[in-house]
Amino acid sequence: MIIVATKRINLSFSMDREEDIKVYDILSEQKYKTDYVIKAVLSYIGERDKGFDKEKIKEAVKEAIAECGGITTENKGKENNSCVEHELPNEIFNMFDNL
């Protein structure tokens, strides 16, 4: 015989705080509240742990821009169709799509 323990947590929502009201309404609509909360918390923790270091990304973008010739002021005061364009490699934009 296997004994499975069940534990309970009581949640209290303050109806004078907007976020509490939103969460209360969302949970109230759920048929399987426990499953919903479990999935929400694990998803939140997973996303948080998967987070990225903004400074590393900024440095990588700066490096990529520098490799492409940098951003210059050559275009200042020129009409749009006579601007010098530096092309950024697609890898920069693909990097952001993969985040």
Protein backbone atom coordinates (compact mmCIF):
# COMPACT_ATOMS: atom_id res chain seq x y z
CA MET A 1 0.00 0.00 0.00
CA ILE A 2 1.39 3.38 -1.04
CA ILE A 3 0.49 6.40 1.05
CA VAL A 4 0.45 9.69 -0.83
CA ALA A 5 0.62 12.86 1.20
CA THR A 6 -1.42 15.86 0.18
CA LYS A 7 -0.46 19.30 1.33
CA ARG A 8 -2.57 22.44 1.14
CA ILE A 9 -1.75 26.11 0.72
CA ASN A 10 -4.26 28.82 1.44
CA LEU A 11 -4.13 31.87 -0.81
CA SER A 12 -5.52 35.25 0.15
CA PHE A 13 -6.24 37.98 -2.37
CA SER A 14 -6.61 41.62 -1.50
CA MET A 15 -9.46 43.03 -3.55
CA ASP A 16 -8.02 46.53 -3.39
CA ARG A 17 -4.94 45.54 -5.43
CA GLU A 18 -5.36 45.29 -9.19
CA GLU A 19 -2.97 42.35 -9.67
CA ASP A 20 -4.68 40.36 -6.93
CA ILE A 21 -8.06 40.90 -8.55
CA LYS A 22 -6.75 39.75 -11.95
CA VAL A 23 -5.20 36.59 -10.53
CA TYR A 24 -8.25 35.84 -8.39
CA ASP A 25 -10.51 36.16 -11.45
CA ILE A 26 -8.23 33.92 -13.52
CA LEU A 27 -8.08 31.23 -10.85
CA SER A 28 -11.79 31.44 -10.16
CA GLU A 29 -12.51 30.52 -13.78
CA GLN A 30 -10.27 27.42 -13.70
CA LYS A 31 -11.86 24.03 -13.14
CA TYR A 32 -8.58 22.37 -12.08
CA LYS A 33 -6.99 25.13 -10.01
CA THR A 34 -4.15 23.06 -8.56
CA ASP A 35 -3.00 21.87 -11.98
CA TYR A 36 -3.28 25.41 -13.32
CA VAL A 37 -1.17 26.86 -10.50
CA ILE A 38 1.44 24.10 -10.82
CA LYS A 39 1.83 24.73 -14.56
CA ALA A 40 1.90 28.51 -14.10
CA VAL A 41 4.58 28.40 -11.39
CA LEU A 42 6.77 25.89 -13.22
CA SER A 43 6.45 27.88 -16.43
CA TYR A 44 7.36 31.10 -14.62
CA ILE A 45 10.37 29.51 -12.94
CA GLY A 46 11.49 27.95 -16.23
CA GLU A 47 11.29 31.27 -18.06
CA ARG A 48 13.10 33.07 -15.25
CA ASP A 49 15.86 30.47 -15.14
CA LYS A 50 16.16 30.60 -18.91
CA GLY A 51 16.70 34.34 -18.67
CA PHE A 52 19.44 36.06 -20.53
CA ASP A 53 22.18 38.44 -19.57
CA LYS A 54 21.30 41.77 -21.17
CA GLU A 55 24.86 43.04 -20.86
CA LYS A 56 26.24 40.04 -22.78
CA ILE A 57 23.72 40.65 -25.55
CA LYS A 58 24.58 44.34 -25.70
CA GLU A 59 28.29 43.51 -25.99
CA ALA A 60 27.61 40.95 -28.74
CA VAL A 61 25.55 43.47 -30.72
CA LYS A 62 28.22 46.16 -30.29
CA GLU A 63 30.84 43.71 -31.52
CA ALA A 64 28.73 42.74 -34.54
CA ILE A 65 28.10 46.39 -35.41
CA ALA A 66 31.81 47.14 -35.14
CA GLU A 67 32.60 44.19 -37.44
CA CYS A 68 30.19 45.68 -40.00
CA GLY A 69 31.93 49.03 -40.05
CA GLY A 70 30.14 50.61 -37.13
CA ILE A 71 27.47 53.25 -37.04
CA THR A 72 28.66 56.52 -38.42
CA THR A 73 27.38 60.05 -38.75
CA GLU A 74 27.96 60.02 -42.54
CA ASN A 75 24.23 60.25 -43.10
CA LYS A 76 23.67 63.32 -40.97
CA GLY A 77 21.93 66.00 -43.01
CA LYS A 78 21.57 63.86 -46.15
CA GLU A 79 18.33 63.00 -47.89
CA ASN A 80 17.03 59.49 -47.29
CA ASN A 81 17.81 58.18 -50.77
CA SER A 82 21.43 59.38 -50.66
CA CYS A 83 22.30 57.86 -47.28
CA VAL A 84 25.23 55.54 -46.79
CA GLU A 85 23.85 52.23 -45.57
CA HIS A 86 25.83 49.76 -43.51
CA GLU A 87 24.37 46.30 -43.69
CA LEU A 88 24.11 44.34 -40.48
CA PRO A 89 24.41 40.59 -40.93
CA ASN A 90 21.21 38.60 -40.59
CA GLU A 91 22.85 36.60 -37.78
CA ILE A 92 22.25 39.55 -35.45
CA PHE A 93 18.53 39.46 -36.05
CA ASN A 94 18.42 35.66 -36.02
CA MET A 95 20.05 35.77 -32.58
CA PHE A 96 17.12 37.76 -31.21
CA ASP A 97 14.59 35.42 -32.82
CA ASN A 98 16.17 32.54 -30.93
CA LEU A 99 15.88 34.16 -27.50
